[in-house]
Amino acid sequence: EQGMIARVDLTYDPDSRSITRGRMSCTP
């Protein structure tokens, strides 16, 4: 009966073409 809304918030830098920061979380 249980699930999650998985979430990743990130910052993408187009100059270095890289993810510089990220946060993973979920809403049950």
mmCIF file of all heavy atoms, coordinates in Angstrom:
data_MODEL
# 
_entry.id   MODEL 
# 
loop_
_atom_site.group_PDB 
_atom_site.id 
_atom_site.type_symbol 
_atom_site.label_atom_id 
_atom_site.label_alt_id 
_atom_site.label_comp_id 
_atom_site.label_asym_id 
_atom_site.label_entity_id 
_atom_site.label_seq_id 
_atom_site.pdbx_PDB_ins_code 
_atom_site.Cartn_x 
_atom_site.Cartn_y 
_atom_site.Cartn_z 
_atom_site.occupancy 
_atom_site.B_iso_or_equiv 
_atom_site.pdbx_formal_charge 
_atom_site.auth_seq_id 
_atom_site.auth_comp_id 
_atom_site.auth_asym_id 
_atom_site.auth_atom_id 
_atom_site.pdbx_PDB_model_num 
ATOM 1   N N   . GLU A 1 1  ? 0.820  -1.205 0.000   1.00 0.00 ? 1  GLU A N   1 
ATOM 2   C CA  . GLU A 1 1  ? 0.000  0.000  0.000   1.00 0.00 ? 1  GLU A CA  1 
ATOM 3   C C   . GLU A 1 1  ? 0.860  1.263  0.000   1.00 0.00 ? 1  GLU A C   1 
ATOM 4   O O   . GLU A 1 1  ? 0.354  2.361  -0.195  1.00 0.00 ? 1  GLU A O   1 
ATOM 5   C CB  . GLU A 1 1  ? -0.906 0.010  1.240   1.00 0.00 ? 1  GLU A CB  1 
ATOM 6   C CG  . GLU A 1 1  ? -1.800 -1.220 1.354   1.00 0.00 ? 1  GLU A CG  1 
ATOM 7   C CD  . GLU A 1 1  ? -2.519 -1.277 2.694   1.00 0.00 ? 1  GLU A CD  1 
ATOM 8   O OE1 . GLU A 1 1  ? -2.474 -0.274 3.442   1.00 0.00 ? 1  GLU A OE1 1 
ATOM 9   O OE2 . GLU A 1 1  ? -3.127 -2.318 3.008   1.00 0.00 ? 1  GLU A OE2 1 
ATOM 10  N N   . GLN A 1 2  ? 2.146  1.107  0.252   1.00 0.00 ? 2  GLN A N   1 
ATOM 11  C CA  . GLN A 1 2  ? 3.038  2.248  0.432   1.00 0.00 ? 2  GLN A CA  1 
ATOM 12  C C   . GLN A 1 2  ? 3.894  2.477  -0.807  1.00 0.00 ? 2  GLN A C   1 
ATOM 13  O O   . GLN A 1 2  ? 4.254  1.543  -1.511  1.00 0.00 ? 2  GLN A O   1 
ATOM 14  C CB  . GLN A 1 2  ? 3.950  2.007  1.641   1.00 0.00 ? 2  GLN A CB  1 
ATOM 15  C CG  . GLN A 1 2  ? 3.190  1.728  2.923   1.00 0.00 ? 2  GLN A CG  1 
ATOM 16  C CD  . GLN A 1 2  ? 4.098  1.234  4.033   1.00 0.00 ? 2  GLN A CD  1 
ATOM 17  O OE1 . GLN A 1 2  ? 5.315  1.351  3.951   1.00 0.00 ? 2  GLN A OE1 1 
ATOM 18  N NE2 . GLN A 1 2  ? 3.505  0.684  5.067   1.00 0.00 ? 2  GLN A NE2 1 
ATOM 19  N N   . GLY A 1 3  ? 4.208  3.710  -1.041  1.00 0.00 ? 3  GLY A N   1 
ATOM 20  C CA  . GLY A 1 3  ? 5.084  4.063  -2.149  1.00 0.00 ? 3  GLY A CA  1 
ATOM 21  C C   . GLY A 1 3  ? 5.810  5.348  -1.829  1.00 0.00 ? 3  GLY A C   1 
ATOM 22  O O   . GLY A 1 3  ? 5.794  5.831  -0.701  1.00 0.00 ? 3  GLY A O   1 
ATOM 23  N N   . MET A 1 4  ? 6.439  5.906  -2.831  1.00 0.00 ? 4  MET A N   1 
ATOM 24  C CA  . MET A 1 4  ? 7.115  7.185  -2.643  1.00 0.00 ? 4  MET A CA  1 
ATOM 25  C C   . MET A 1 4  ? 7.098  7.984  -3.942  1.00 0.00 ? 4  MET A C   1 
ATOM 26  O O   . MET A 1 4  ? 7.028  7.426  -5.035  1.00 0.00 ? 4  MET A O   1 
ATOM 27  C CB  . MET A 1 4  ? 8.571  6.985  -2.200  1.00 0.00 ? 4  MET A CB  1 
ATOM 28  C CG  . MET A 1 4  ? 9.487  6.444  -3.290  1.00 0.00 ? 4  MET A CG  1 
ATOM 29  S SD  . MET A 1 4  ? 11.256 6.669  -2.954  1.00 0.00 ? 4  MET A SD  1 
ATOM 30  C CE  . MET A 1 4  ? 11.533 5.461  -1.675  1.00 0.00 ? 4  MET A CE  1 
ATOM 31  N N   . ILE A 1 5  ? 7.130  9.289  -3.768  1.00 0.00 ? 5  ILE A N   1 
ATOM 32  C CA  . ILE A 1 5  ? 7.448  10.184 -4.876  1.00 0.00 ? 5  ILE A CA  1 
ATOM 33  C C   . ILE A 1 5  ? 8.919  10.524 -4.687  1.00 0.00 ? 5  ILE A C   1 
ATOM 34  O O   . ILE A 1 5  ? 9.280  11.329 -3.829  1.00 0.00 ? 5  ILE A O   1 
ATOM 35  C CB  . ILE A 1 5  ? 6.579  11.452 -4.853  1.00 0.00 ? 5  ILE A CB  1 
ATOM 36  C CG1 . ILE A 1 5  ? 5.088  11.082 -4.930  1.00 0.00 ? 5  ILE A CG1 1 
ATOM 37  C CG2 . ILE A 1 5  ? 6.946  12.376 -6.008  1.00 0.00 ? 5  ILE A CG2 1 
ATOM 38  C CD1 . ILE A 1 5  ? 4.157  12.262 -4.711  1.00 0.00 ? 5  ILE A CD1 1 
ATOM 39  N N   . ALA A 1 6  ? 9.777  9.850  -5.435  1.00 0.00 ? 6  ALA A N   1 
ATOM 40  C CA  . ALA A 1 6  ? 11.220 10.077 -5.328  1.00 0.00 ? 6  ALA A CA  1 
ATOM 41  C C   . ALA A 1 6  ? 11.559 11.403 -5.988  1.00 0.00 ? 6  ALA A C   1 
ATOM 42  O O   . ALA A 1 6  ? 11.002 11.748 -7.034  1.00 0.00 ? 6  ALA A O   1 
ATOM 43  C CB  . ALA A 1 6  ? 11.983 8.938  -5.981  1.00 0.00 ? 6  ALA A CB  1 
ATOM 44  N N   . ARG A 1 7  ? 12.480 12.132 -5.387  1.00 0.00 ? 7  ARG A N   1 
ATOM 45  C CA  . ARG A 1 7  ? 12.793 13.467 -5.901  1.00 0.00 ? 7  ARG A CA  1 
ATOM 46  C C   . ARG A 1 7  ? 14.301 13.733 -5.852  1.00 0.00 ? 7  ARG A C   1 
ATOM 47  O O   . ARG A 1 7  ? 14.969 13.380 -4.873  1.00 0.00 ? 7  ARG A O   1 
ATOM 48  C CB  . ARG A 1 7  ? 12.062 14.529 -5.087  1.00 0.00 ? 7  ARG A CB  1 
ATOM 49  C CG  . ARG A 1 7  ? 12.267 15.958 -5.611  1.00 0.00 ? 7  ARG A CG  1 
ATOM 50  C CD  . ARG A 1 7  ? 11.456 16.956 -4.813  1.00 0.00 ? 7  ARG A CD  1 
ATOM 51  N NE  . ARG A 1 7  ? 11.720 18.329 -5.258  1.00 0.00 ? 7  ARG A NE  1 
ATOM 52  C CZ  . ARG A 1 7  ? 10.843 19.123 -5.841  1.00 0.00 ? 7  ARG A CZ  1 
ATOM 53  N NH1 . ARG A 1 7  ? 9.607  18.701 -6.051  1.00 0.00 ? 7  ARG A NH1 1 
ATOM 54  N NH2 . ARG A 1 7  ? 11.167 20.355 -6.210  1.00 0.00 ? 7  ARG A NH2 1 
ATOM 55  N N   . VAL A 1 8  ? 14.794 14.324 -6.908  1.00 0.00 ? 8  VAL A N   1 
ATOM 56  C CA  . VAL A 1 8  ? 16.175 14.798 -6.957  1.00 0.00 ? 8  VAL A CA  1 
ATOM 57  C C   . VAL A 1 8  ? 16.149 16.262 -7.385  1.00 0.00 ? 8  VAL A C   1 
ATOM 58  O O   . VAL A 1 8  ? 15.589 16.593 -8.436  1.00 0.00 ? 8  VAL A O   1 
ATOM 59  C CB  . VAL A 1 8  ? 17.036 13.976 -7.937  1.00 0.00 ? 8  VAL A CB  1 
ATOM 60  C CG1 . VAL A 1 8  ? 18.424 14.606 -8.083  1.00 0.00 ? 8  VAL A CG1 1 
ATOM 61  C CG2 . VAL A 1 8  ? 17.163 12.534 -7.464  1.00 0.00 ? 8  VAL A CG2 1 
ATOM 62  N N   . ASP A 1 9  ? 16.712 17.130 -6.557  1.00 0.00 ? 9  ASP A N   1 
ATOM 63  C CA  . ASP A 1 9  ? 16.892 18.539 -6.901  1.00 0.00 ? 9  ASP A CA  1 
ATOM 64  C C   . ASP A 1 9  ? 18.370 18.755 -7.168  1.00 0.00 ? 9  ASP A C   1 
ATOM 65  O O   . ASP A 1 9  ? 19.218 18.386 -6.333  1.00 0.00 ? 9  ASP A O   1 
ATOM 66  C CB  . ASP A 1 9  ? 16.434 19.434 -5.753  1.00 0.00 ? 9  ASP A CB  1 
ATOM 67  C CG  . ASP A 1 9  ? 14.933 19.345 -5.524  1.00 0.00 ? 9  ASP A CG  1 
ATOM 68  O OD1 . ASP A 1 9  ? 14.195 20.055 -6.218  1.00 0.00 ? 9  ASP A OD1 1 
ATOM 69  O OD2 . ASP A 1 9  ? 14.512 18.560 -4.650  1.00 0.00 ? 9  ASP A OD2 1 
ATOM 70  N N   . LEU A 1 10 ? 18.689 19.351 -8.289  1.00 0.00 ? 10 LEU A N   1 
ATOM 71  C CA  . LEU A 1 10 ? 20.094 19.490 -8.655  1.00 0.00 ? 10 LEU A CA  1 
ATOM 72  C C   . LEU A 1 10 ? 20.366 20.836 -9.302  1.00 0.00 ? 10 LEU A C   1 
ATOM 73  O O   . LEU A 1 10 ? 19.457 21.529 -9.767  1.00 0.00 ? 10 LEU A O   1 
ATOM 74  C CB  . LEU A 1 10 ? 20.529 18.344 -9.580  1.00 0.00 ? 10 LEU A CB  1 
ATOM 75  C CG  . LEU A 1 10 ? 19.756 18.148 -10.892 1.00 0.00 ? 10 LEU A CG  1 
ATOM 76  C CD1 . LEU A 1 10 ? 20.292 19.030 -12.000 1.00 0.00 ? 10 LEU A CD1 1 
ATOM 77  C CD2 . LEU A 1 10 ? 19.804 16.680 -11.315 1.00 0.00 ? 10 LEU A CD2 1 
ATOM 78  N N   . THR A 1 11 ? 21.627 21.195 -9.310  1.00 0.00 ? 11 THR A N   1 
ATOM 79  C CA  . THR A 1 11 ? 22.116 22.372 -10.007 1.00 0.00 ? 11 THR A CA  1 
ATOM 80  C C   . THR A 1 11 ? 23.029 21.913 -11.123 1.00 0.00 ? 11 THR A C   1 
ATOM 81  O O   . THR A 1 11 ? 23.998 21.180 -10.870 1.00 0.00 ? 11 THR A O   1 
ATOM 82  C CB  . THR A 1 11 ? 22.889 23.299 -9.059  1.00 0.00 ? 11 THR A CB  1 
ATOM 83  O OG1 . THR A 1 11 ? 22.050 23.681 -7.967  1.00 0.00 ? 11 THR A OG1 1 
ATOM 84  C CG2 . THR A 1 11 ? 23.352 24.555 -9.802  1.00 0.00 ? 11 THR A CG2 1 
ATOM 85  N N   . TYR A 1 12 ? 22.707 22.313 -12.337 1.00 0.00 ? 12 TYR A N   1 
ATOM 86  C CA  . TYR A 1 12 ? 23.527 21.944 -13.488 1.00 0.00 ? 12 TYR A CA  1 
ATOM 87  C C   . TYR A 1 12 ? 24.248 23.175 -14.010 1.00 0.00 ? 12 TYR A C   1 
ATOM 88  O O   . TYR A 1 12 ? 23.624 24.207 -14.287 1.00 0.00 ? 12 TYR A O   1 
ATOM 89  C CB  . TYR A 1 12 ? 22.684 21.327 -14.604 1.00 0.00 ? 12 TYR A CB  1 
ATOM 90  C CG  . TYR A 1 12 ? 23.507 20.925 -15.803 1.00 0.00 ? 12 TYR A CG  1 
ATOM 91  C CD1 . TYR A 1 12 ? 24.235 19.740 -15.786 1.00 0.00 ? 12 TYR A CD1 1 
ATOM 92  C CD2 . TYR A 1 12 ? 23.585 21.743 -16.929 1.00 0.00 ? 12 TYR A CD2 1 
ATOM 93  C CE1 . TYR A 1 12 ? 25.012 19.369 -16.880 1.00 0.00 ? 12 TYR A CE1 1 
ATOM 94  C CE2 . TYR A 1 12 ? 24.358 21.376 -18.016 1.00 0.00 ? 12 TYR A CE2 1 
ATOM 95  C CZ  . TYR A 1 12 ? 25.071 20.196 -17.980 1.00 0.00 ? 12 TYR A CZ  1 
ATOM 96  O OH  . TYR A 1 12 ? 25.852 19.840 -19.051 1.00 0.00 ? 12 TYR A OH  1 
ATOM 97  N N   . ASP A 1 13 ? 25.569 23.069 -14.130 1.00 0.00 ? 13 ASP A N   1 
ATOM 98  C CA  . ASP A 1 13 ? 26.390 24.164 -14.630 1.00 0.00 ? 13 ASP A CA  1 
ATOM 99  C C   . ASP A 1 13 ? 26.694 23.916 -16.106 1.00 0.00 ? 13 ASP A C   1 
ATOM 100 O O   . ASP A 1 13 ? 27.464 23.010 -16.438 1.00 0.00 ? 13 ASP A O   1 
ATOM 101 C CB  . ASP A 1 13 ? 27.693 24.246 -13.827 1.00 0.00 ? 13 ASP A CB  1 
ATOM 102 C CG  . ASP A 1 13 ? 28.600 25.375 -14.315 1.00 0.00 ? 13 ASP A CG  1 
ATOM 103 O OD1 . ASP A 1 13 ? 28.130 26.234 -15.085 1.00 0.00 ? 13 ASP A OD1 1 
ATOM 104 O OD2 . ASP A 1 13 ? 29.785 25.390 -13.931 1.00 0.00 ? 13 ASP A OD2 1 
ATOM 105 N N   . PRO A 1 14 ? 26.112 24.697 -17.004 1.00 0.00 ? 14 PRO A N   1 
ATOM 106 C CA  . PRO A 1 14 ? 26.332 24.450 -18.437 1.00 0.00 ? 14 PRO A CA  1 
ATOM 107 C C   . PRO A 1 14 ? 27.759 24.725 -18.884 1.00 0.00 ? 14 PRO A C   1 
ATOM 108 O O   . PRO A 1 14 ? 28.194 24.184 -19.909 1.00 0.00 ? 14 PRO A O   1 
ATOM 109 C CB  . PRO A 1 14 ? 25.335 25.398 -19.126 1.00 0.00 ? 14 PRO A CB  1 
ATOM 110 C CG  . PRO A 1 14 ? 25.047 26.453 -18.108 1.00 0.00 ? 14 PRO A CG  1 
ATOM 111 C CD  . PRO A 1 14 ? 25.171 25.808 -16.776 1.00 0.00 ? 14 PRO A CD  1 
ATOM 112 N N   . ASP A 1 15 ? 28.490 25.569 -18.157 1.00 0.00 ? 15 ASP A N   1 
ATOM 113 C CA  . ASP A 1 15 ? 29.864 25.867 -18.554 1.00 0.00 ? 15 ASP A CA  1 
ATOM 114 C C   . ASP A 1 15 ? 30.790 24.679 -18.319 1.00 0.00 ? 15 ASP A C   1 
ATOM 115 O O   . ASP A 1 15 ? 31.595 24.321 -19.176 1.00 0.00 ? 15 ASP A O   1 
ATOM 116 C CB  . ASP A 1 15 ? 30.383 27.100 -17.803 1.00 0.00 ? 15 ASP A CB  1 
ATOM 117 C CG  . ASP A 1 15 ? 29.655 28.370 -18.224 1.00 0.00 ? 15 ASP A CG  1 
ATOM 118 O OD1 . ASP A 1 15 ? 29.348 28.493 -19.431 1.00 0.00 ? 15 ASP A OD1 1 
ATOM 119 O OD2 . ASP A 1 15 ? 29.372 29.210 -17.364 1.00 0.00 ? 15 ASP A OD2 1 
ATOM 120 N N   . SER A 1 16 ? 30.689 24.062 -17.147 1.00 0.00 ? 16 SER A N   1 
ATOM 121 C CA  . SER A 1 16 ? 31.509 22.878 -16.866 1.00 0.00 ? 16 SER A CA  1 
ATOM 122 C C   . SER A 1 16 ? 30.812 21.595 -17.287 1.00 0.00 ? 16 SER A C   1 
ATOM 123 O O   . SER A 1 16 ? 31.389 20.510 -17.175 1.00 0.00 ? 16 SER A O   1 
ATOM 124 C CB  . SER A 1 16 ? 31.843 22.807 -15.371 1.00 0.00 ? 16 SER A CB  1 
ATOM 125 O OG  . SER A 1 16 ? 30.659 22.654 -14.599 1.00 0.00 ? 16 SER A OG  1 
ATOM 126 N N   . ARG A 1 17 ? 29.543 21.737 -17.758 1.00 0.00 ? 17 ARG A N   1 
ATOM 127 C CA  . ARG A 1 17 ? 28.741 20.579 -18.174 1.00 0.00 ? 17 ARG A CA  1 
ATOM 128 C C   . ARG A 1 17 ? 28.710 19.530 -17.074 1.00 0.00 ? 17 ARG A C   1 
ATOM 129 O O   . ARG A 1 17 ? 28.982 18.349 -17.291 1.00 0.00 ? 17 ARG A O   1 
ATOM 130 C CB  . ARG A 1 17 ? 29.276 19.979 -19.485 1.00 0.00 ? 17 ARG A CB  1 
ATOM 131 C CG  . ARG A 1 17 ? 29.141 20.900 -20.680 1.00 0.00 ? 17 ARG A CG  1 
ATOM 132 C CD  . ARG A 1 17 ? 29.682 20.280 -21.959 1.00 0.00 ? 17 ARG A CD  1 
ATOM 133 N NE  . ARG A 1 17 ? 28.942 19.070 -22.309 1.00 0.00 ? 17 ARG A NE  1 
ATOM 134 C CZ  . ARG A 1 17 ? 27.801 19.069 -23.008 1.00 0.00 ? 17 ARG A CZ  1 
ATOM 135 N NH1 . ARG A 1 17 ? 27.273 20.210 -23.407 1.00 0.00 ? 17 ARG A NH1 1 
ATOM 136 N NH2 . ARG A 1 17 ? 27.202 17.941 -23.308 1.00 0.00 ? 17 ARG A NH2 1 
ATOM 137 N N   . SER A 1 18 ? 28.372 19.974 -15.887 1.00 0.00 ? 18 SER A N   1 
ATOM 138 C CA  . SER A 1 18 ? 28.369 19.051 -14.755 1.00 0.00 ? 18 SER A CA  1 
ATOM 139 C C   . SER A 1 18 ? 27.286 19.431 -13.754 1.00 0.00 ? 18 SER A C   1 
ATOM 140 O O   . SER A 1 18 ? 26.843 20.589 -13.689 1.00 0.00 ? 18 SER A O   1 
ATOM 141 C CB  . SER A 1 18 ? 29.732 19.051 -14.062 1.00 0.00 ? 18 SER A CB  1 
ATOM 142 O OG  . SER A 1 18 ? 29.978 20.321 -13.480 1.00 0.00 ? 18 SER A OG  1 
ATOM 143 N N   . ILE A 1 19 ? 26.876 18.440 -12.999 1.00 0.00 ? 19 ILE A N   1 
ATOM 144 C CA  . ILE A 1 19 ? 25.987 18.659 -11.858 1.00 0.00 ? 19 ILE A CA  1 
ATOM 145 C C   . ILE A 1 19 ? 26.870 19.076 -10.692 1.00 0.00 ? 19 ILE A C   1 
ATOM 146 O O   . ILE A 1 19 ? 27.816 18.368 -10.341 1.00 0.00 ? 19 ILE A O   1 
ATOM 147 C CB  . ILE A 1 19 ? 25.203 17.382 -11.513 1.00 0.00 ? 19 ILE A CB  1 
ATOM 148 C CG1 . ILE A 1 19 ? 24.316 16.973 -12.692 1.00 0.00 ? 19 ILE A CG1 1 
ATOM 149 C CG2 . ILE A 1 19 ? 24.347 17.582 -10.274 1.00 0.00 ? 19 ILE A CG2 1 
ATOM 150 C CD1 . ILE A 1 19 ? 23.703 15.593 -12.546 1.00 0.00 ? 19 ILE A CD1 1 
ATOM 151 N N   . THR A 1 20 ? 26.580 20.239 -10.125 1.00 0.00 ? 20 THR A N   1 
ATOM 152 C CA  . THR A 1 20 ? 27.449 20.742 -9.057  1.00 0.00 ? 20 THR A CA  1 
ATOM 153 C C   . THR A 1 20 ? 26.878 20.522 -7.672  1.00 0.00 ? 20 THR A C   1 
ATOM 154 O O   . THR A 1 20 ? 27.628 20.456 -6.699  1.00 0.00 ? 20 THR A O   1 
ATOM 155 C CB  . THR A 1 20 ? 27.723 22.238 -9.254  1.00 0.00 ? 20 THR A CB  1 
ATOM 156 O OG1 . THR A 1 20 ? 26.475 22.944 -9.307  1.00 0.00 ? 20 THR A OG1 1 
ATOM 157 C CG2 . THR A 1 20 ? 28.491 22.473 -10.553 1.00 0.00 ? 20 THR A CG2 1 
ATOM 158 N N   . ARG A 1 21 ? 25.556 20.469 -7.571  1.00 0.00 ? 21 ARG A N   1 
ATOM 159 C CA  . ARG A 1 21 ? 24.935 20.166 -6.279  1.00 0.00 ? 21 ARG A CA  1 
ATOM 160 C C   . ARG A 1 21 ? 23.691 19.330 -6.514  1.00 0.00 ? 21 ARG A C   1 
ATOM 161 O O   . ARG A 1 21 ? 23.040 19.436 -7.550  1.00 0.00 ? 21 ARG A O   1 
ATOM 162 C CB  . ARG A 1 21 ? 24.554 21.445 -5.522  1.00 0.00 ? 21 ARG A CB  1 
ATOM 163 C CG  . ARG A 1 21 ? 25.735 22.186 -4.906  1.00 0.00 ? 21 ARG A CG  1 
ATOM 164 C CD  . ARG A 1 21 ? 25.279 23.415 -4.151  1.00 0.00 ? 21 ARG A CD  1 
ATOM 165 N NE  . ARG A 1 21 ? 24.523 23.104 -2.954  1.00 0.00 ? 21 ARG A NE  1 
ATOM 166 C CZ  . ARG A 1 21 ? 25.066 22.817 -1.779  1.00 0.00 ? 21 ARG A CZ  1 
ATOM 167 N NH1 . ARG A 1 21 ? 26.368 22.763 -1.648  1.00 0.00 ? 21 ARG A NH1 1 
ATOM 168 N NH2 . ARG A 1 21 ? 24.318 22.574 -0.727  1.00 0.00 ? 21 ARG A NH2 1 
ATOM 169 N N   . GLY A 1 22 ? 23.350 18.506 -5.536  1.00 0.00 ? 22 GLY A N   1 
ATOM 170 C CA  . GLY A 1 22 ? 22.144 17.693 -5.663  1.00 0.00 ? 22 GLY A CA  1 
ATOM 171 C C   . GLY A 1 22 ? 21.617 17.283 -4.309  1.00 0.00 ? 22 GLY A C   1 
ATOM 172 O O   . GLY A 1 22 ? 22.368 17.122 -3.357  1.00 0.00 ? 22 GLY A O   1 
ATOM 173 N N   . ARG A 1 23 ? 20.307 17.140 -4.246  1.00 0.00 ? 23 ARG A N   1 
ATOM 174 C CA  . ARG A 1 23 ? 19.655 16.671 -3.023  1.00 0.00 ? 23 ARG A CA  1 
ATOM 175 C C   . ARG A 1 23 ? 18.671 15.580 -3.402  1.00 0.00 ? 23 ARG A C   1 
ATOM 176 O O   . ARG A 1 23 ? 17.886 15.744 -4.331  1.00 0.00 ? 23 ARG A O   1 
ATOM 177 C CB  . ARG A 1 23 ? 18.924 17.815 -2.326  1.00 0.00 ? 23 ARG A CB  1 
ATOM 178 C CG  . ARG A 1 23 ? 18.234 17.398 -1.013  1.00 0.00 ? 23 ARG A CG  1 
ATOM 179 C CD  . ARG A 1 23 ? 17.329 18.499 -0.484  1.00 0.00 ? 23 ARG A CD  1 
ATOM 180 N NE  . ARG A 1 23 ? 18.067 19.711 -0.185  1.00 0.00 ? 23 ARG A NE  1 
ATOM 181 C CZ  . ARG A 1 23 ? 18.616 19.983 0.999   1.00 0.00 ? 23 ARG A CZ  1 
ATOM 182 N NH1 . ARG A 1 23 ? 18.516 19.118 1.976   1.00 0.00 ? 23 ARG A NH1 1 
ATOM 183 N NH2 . ARG A 1 23 ? 19.267 21.110 1.180   1.00 0.00 ? 23 ARG A NH2 1 
ATOM 184 N N   . MET A 1 24 ? 18.704 14.448 -2.706  1.00 0.00 ? 24 MET A N   1 
ATOM 185 C CA  . MET A 1 24 ? 17.743 13.383 -2.947  1.00 0.00 ? 24 MET A CA  1 
ATOM 186 C C   . MET A 1 24 ? 16.798 13.290 -1.751  1.00 0.00 ? 24 MET A C   1 
ATOM 187 O O   . MET A 1 24 ? 17.203 13.427 -0.600  1.00 0.00 ? 24 MET A O   1 
ATOM 188 C CB  . MET A 1 24 ? 18.444 12.040 -3.204  1.00 0.00 ? 24 MET A CB  1 
ATOM 189 C CG  . MET A 1 24 ? 19.261 11.503 -2.064  1.00 0.00 ? 24 MET A CG  1 
ATOM 190 S SD  . MET A 1 24 ? 20.330 10.099 -2.525  1.00 0.00 ? 24 MET A SD  1 
ATOM 191 C CE  . MET A 1 24 ? 19.151 8.946  -3.202  1.00 0.00 ? 24 MET A CE  1 
ATOM 192 N N   . SER A 1 25 ? 15.519 13.092 -2.054  1.00 0.00 ? 25 SER A N   1 
ATOM 193 C CA  . SER A 1 25 ? 14.508 13.037 -1.004  1.00 0.00 ? 25 SER A CA  1 
ATOM 194 C C   . SER A 1 25 ? 13.313 12.255 -1.519  1.00 0.00 ? 25 SER A C   1 
ATOM 195 O O   . SER A 1 25 ? 13.285 11.831 -2.671  1.00 0.00 ? 25 SER A O   1 
ATOM 196 C CB  . SER A 1 25 ? 14.079 14.450 -0.598  1.00 0.00 ? 25 SER A CB  1 
ATOM 197 O OG  . SER A 1 25 ? 13.502 15.127 -1.698  1.00 0.00 ? 25 SER A OG  1 
ATOM 198 N N   . CYS A 1 26 ? 12.329 12.064 -0.669  1.00 0.00 ? 26 CYS A N   1 
ATOM 199 C CA  . CYS A 1 26 ? 11.103 11.413 -1.128  1.00 0.00 ? 26 CYS A CA  1 
ATOM 200 C C   . CYS A 1 26 ? 9.928  11.890 -0.306  1.00 0.00 ? 26 CYS A C   1 
ATOM 201 O O   . CYS A 1 26 ? 10.077 12.323 0.836   1.00 0.00 ? 26 CYS A O   1 
ATOM 202 C CB  . CYS A 1 26 ? 11.218 9.886  -1.068  1.00 0.00 ? 26 CYS A CB  1 
ATOM 203 S SG  . CYS A 1 26 ? 11.045 9.200  0.591   1.00 0.00 ? 26 CYS A SG  1 
ATOM 204 N N   . THR A 1 27 ? 8.754  11.838 -0.920  1.00 0.00 ? 27 THR A N   1 
ATOM 205 C CA  . THR A 1 27 ? 7.494  12.066 -0.230  1.00 0.00 ? 27 THR A CA  1 
ATOM 206 C C   . THR A 1 27 ? 6.779  10.725 -0.145  1.00 0.00 ? 27 THR A C   1 
ATOM 207 O O   . THR A 1 27 ? 6.475  10.119 -1.172  1.00 0.00 ? 27 THR A O   1 
ATOM 208 C CB  . THR A 1 27 ? 6.614  13.063 -1.009  1.00 0.00 ? 27 THR A CB  1 
ATOM 209 O OG1 . THR A 1 27 ? 7.306  14.299 -1.138  1.00 0.00 ? 27 THR A OG1 1 
ATOM 210 C CG2 . THR A 1 27 ? 5.299  13.293 -0.286  1.00 0.00 ? 27 THR A CG2 1 
ATOM 211 N N   . PRO A 1 28 ? 6.540  10.204 1.059   1.00 0.00 ? 28 PRO A N   1 
ATOM 212 C CA  . PRO A 1 28 ? 5.864  8.904  1.177   1.00 0.00 ? 28 PRO A CA  1 
ATOM 213 C C   . PRO A 1 28 ? 4.407  8.994  0.743   1.00 0.00 ? 28 PRO A C   1 
ATOM 214 O O   . PRO A 1 28 ? 3.753  10.022 0.925   1.00 0.00 ? 28 PRO A O   1 
ATOM 215 C CB  . PRO A 1 28 ? 5.994  8.570  2.673   1.00 0.00 ? 28 PRO A CB  1 
ATOM 216 C CG  . PRO A 1 28 ? 6.214  9.877  3.349   1.00 0.00 ? 28 PRO A CG  1 
ATOM 217 C CD  . PRO A 1 28 ? 6.901  10.771 2.365   1.00 0.00 ? 28 PRO A CD  1 
# 
